[in-house]
Structures are given as C-alpha cells and as structure tokens.
Protein backbone atom coordinates (compact mmCIF):
# COMPACT_ATOMS: atom_id res chain seq x y z
CA GLN A 1 77.95 86.30 82.24
CA VAL A 2 79.18 88.38 79.30
CA GLN A 3 80.25 87.13 75.89
CA LEU A 4 81.80 88.87 72.92
CA VAL A 5 80.41 87.55 69.65
CA GLU A 6 82.47 88.31 66.55
CA SER A 7 81.55 88.04 62.90
CA GLY A 8 82.69 89.17 59.48
CA GLY A 9 86.03 87.54 58.82
CA GLY A 10 86.89 85.67 55.67
CA LEU A 11 88.95 85.58 52.50
CA VAL A 12 89.37 88.70 50.42
CA GLN A 13 91.58 89.73 47.53
CA PRO A 14 94.21 92.46 47.93
CA GLY A 15 92.57 95.86 47.71
CA GLY A 16 89.27 94.48 48.92
CA SER A 17 87.20 95.26 52.00
CA LEU A 18 85.76 93.47 54.97
CA ARG A 19 83.69 94.55 57.94
CA LEU A 20 84.09 92.95 61.34
CA SER A 21 81.48 93.16 64.07
CA CYS A 22 81.72 92.45 67.77
CA ALA A 23 78.73 92.48 70.08
CA ALA A 24 78.81 92.20 73.85
CA SER A 25 75.92 90.10 75.10
CA GLY A 26 74.72 89.34 78.59
CA SER A 27 73.23 91.33 81.42
CA GLY A 28 74.25 93.37 84.41
CA PHE A 29 77.43 94.74 82.92
CA ARG A 30 78.90 98.09 81.98
CA LEU A 31 80.98 98.45 78.85
CA TYR A 32 84.05 100.66 78.67
CA ASP A 33 86.74 100.45 75.99
CA MET A 34 86.22 98.22 72.95
CA GLY A 35 88.57 97.41 70.16
CA TRP A 36 90.20 94.98 67.78
CA TYR A 37 93.56 93.26 68.02
CA ARG A 38 95.21 90.87 65.62
CA GLN A 39 97.77 88.11 65.80
CA VAL A 40 99.78 86.09 63.33
CA PRO A 41 101.64 82.90 64.25
CA GLY A 42 104.92 83.58 66.00
CA LYS A 43 104.14 87.20 66.74
CA GLN A 44 102.62 89.10 69.63
CA ARG A 45 99.04 90.20 69.51
CA GLU A 46 98.88 93.83 68.41
CA MET A 47 96.29 96.55 68.77
CA VAL A 48 94.57 97.48 65.51
CA ALA A 49 91.99 100.00 66.69
CA SER A 50 90.29 100.85 69.94
CA THR A 51 87.63 103.19 71.18
CA THR A 52 86.57 104.49 74.56
CA SER A 53 82.98 104.77 75.74
CA ASP A 54 83.02 108.52 75.03
CA GLY A 55 84.13 108.02 71.43
CA GLY A 56 87.89 108.53 71.54
CA THR A 57 89.58 106.28 68.95
CA ASN A 58 93.14 105.08 68.38
CA TYR A 59 94.56 103.26 65.37
CA ALA A 60 97.76 101.40 64.69
CA ASP A 61 99.92 103.34 62.25
CA SER A 62 99.75 100.46 59.78
CA VAL A 63 95.98 100.78 59.37
CA LYS A 64 95.44 104.55 59.58
CA GLY A 65 93.53 105.80 56.57
CA ARG A 66 92.36 102.29 55.65
CA PHE A 67 90.46 101.01 58.69
CA THR A 68 87.59 102.74 60.47
CA LEU A 69 86.32 101.80 63.89
CA SER A 70 82.79 102.70 64.88
CA ARG A 71 80.67 101.94 67.89
CA ASP A 72 76.96 101.61 68.60
CA ASN A 73 76.54 102.00 72.35
CA ALA A 74 72.84 101.14 72.19
CA LYS A 75 73.74 97.74 70.74
CA ASN A 76 76.99 97.26 72.71
CA THR A 77 78.62 96.66 69.36
CA VAL A 78 81.81 97.80 67.69
CA TYR A 79 82.51 97.59 63.97
CA LEU A 80 85.79 97.58 62.09
CA GLN A 81 85.53 98.59 58.44
CA MET A 82 88.69 97.45 56.68
CA ASN A 83 89.42 98.85 53.23
CA ASN A 84 92.31 98.47 50.82
CA LEU A 85 93.41 95.28 52.51
CA ASN A 86 96.82 93.80 51.81
CA SER A 87 98.58 90.56 52.64
CA GLU A 88 100.08 92.04 55.81
CA ASP A 89 96.58 92.37 57.22
CA THR A 90 96.19 88.59 57.22
CA ALA A 91 95.75 87.52 60.83
CA VAL A 92 93.30 86.29 63.41
CA TYR A 93 91.38 89.32 64.63
CA TYR A 94 90.21 89.41 68.23
CA CYS A 95 87.67 91.72 69.79
CA LYS A 96 88.54 93.04 73.22
CA ALA A 97 86.31 94.87 75.66
CA VAL A 98 86.81 96.31 79.09
CA ILE A 99 83.74 95.32 81.05
CA ARG A 100 82.66 95.79 84.63
CA ILE A 101 80.35 93.39 86.37
CA PHE A 102 81.73 93.54 89.91
CA ARG A 103 85.06 95.02 88.81
CA ARG A 104 86.66 95.97 85.52
CA ALA A 105 88.22 93.18 83.50
CA ASP A 106 89.35 92.47 79.95
CA TYR A 107 87.15 90.20 77.88
CA TRP A 108 88.19 88.66 74.56
CA GLY A 109 86.25 87.24 71.67
CA GLN A 110 87.03 83.86 70.14
CA GLY A 111 88.81 85.37 67.14
CA THR A 112 87.95 85.54 63.47
CA GLN A 113 90.31 84.78 60.60
CA VAL A 114 91.00 87.42 57.98
CA THR A 115 92.96 86.23 54.97
CA VAL A 116 94.04 88.58 52.20
CA SER A 117 95.16 86.64 49.17
CA SER A 118 94.75 86.54 45.42
C-alpha cells in the first residue's frame, strides 16, 4: 500500500514564504508524475505545479515566478517552495502522484491548509 504524507502548511503573512513537502511511502511501487493542487470552498481543485519523473515541470500562471517545485527521486519526495504569498494563495493544498503498483493510478494526500493573512 502507498501513502502520500504531506507537511509544511500553516499561517503566513502576505509576502511570506512556506515550503510544502510530500513523500510517497510504501513498497513495491513505481512513481511517475508528482505535483500539488489546491482547492478553496466552492471552487474546483486546480493544478498549482507538477513534475514528471524525468524532471519536466509545469506551473499555473498565477504562481509562476513565485513558486518552485523540486523533486528528490531517491526519497520519493516533492517539495513546493512558495514565496511572496498573497491572500489568493489561501487554500487546502493537496499532493497528487501517479503511481503504479499493478497499474497506474492517481493517489492523493490528505491535504494541508495554507492561510495567508495579516
């Protein structure tokens, strides 16, 4: 069985920074794409940043230049460095990974709250 364990959310003032981490734990799996999505009440979940196993990375236009996604394949971990945060970044952030055990499937973390407020 595979689990995605997230950490790093919290409360930060506008202009501040946070770093989210997501680690895939378990055995007998292969990891493909990993990334972060976010959701606010009443809205659809949206992609923030994602990366493929060979290092290709995509960002939502709203976070380009402020957020940086990095990946440590040896640790099955992806990091999201978020700088210059603003109130519109307030959301629950979810880690997503494409994982194959017997076949490829999407796995989601439990979500971590990020609140940007003064």
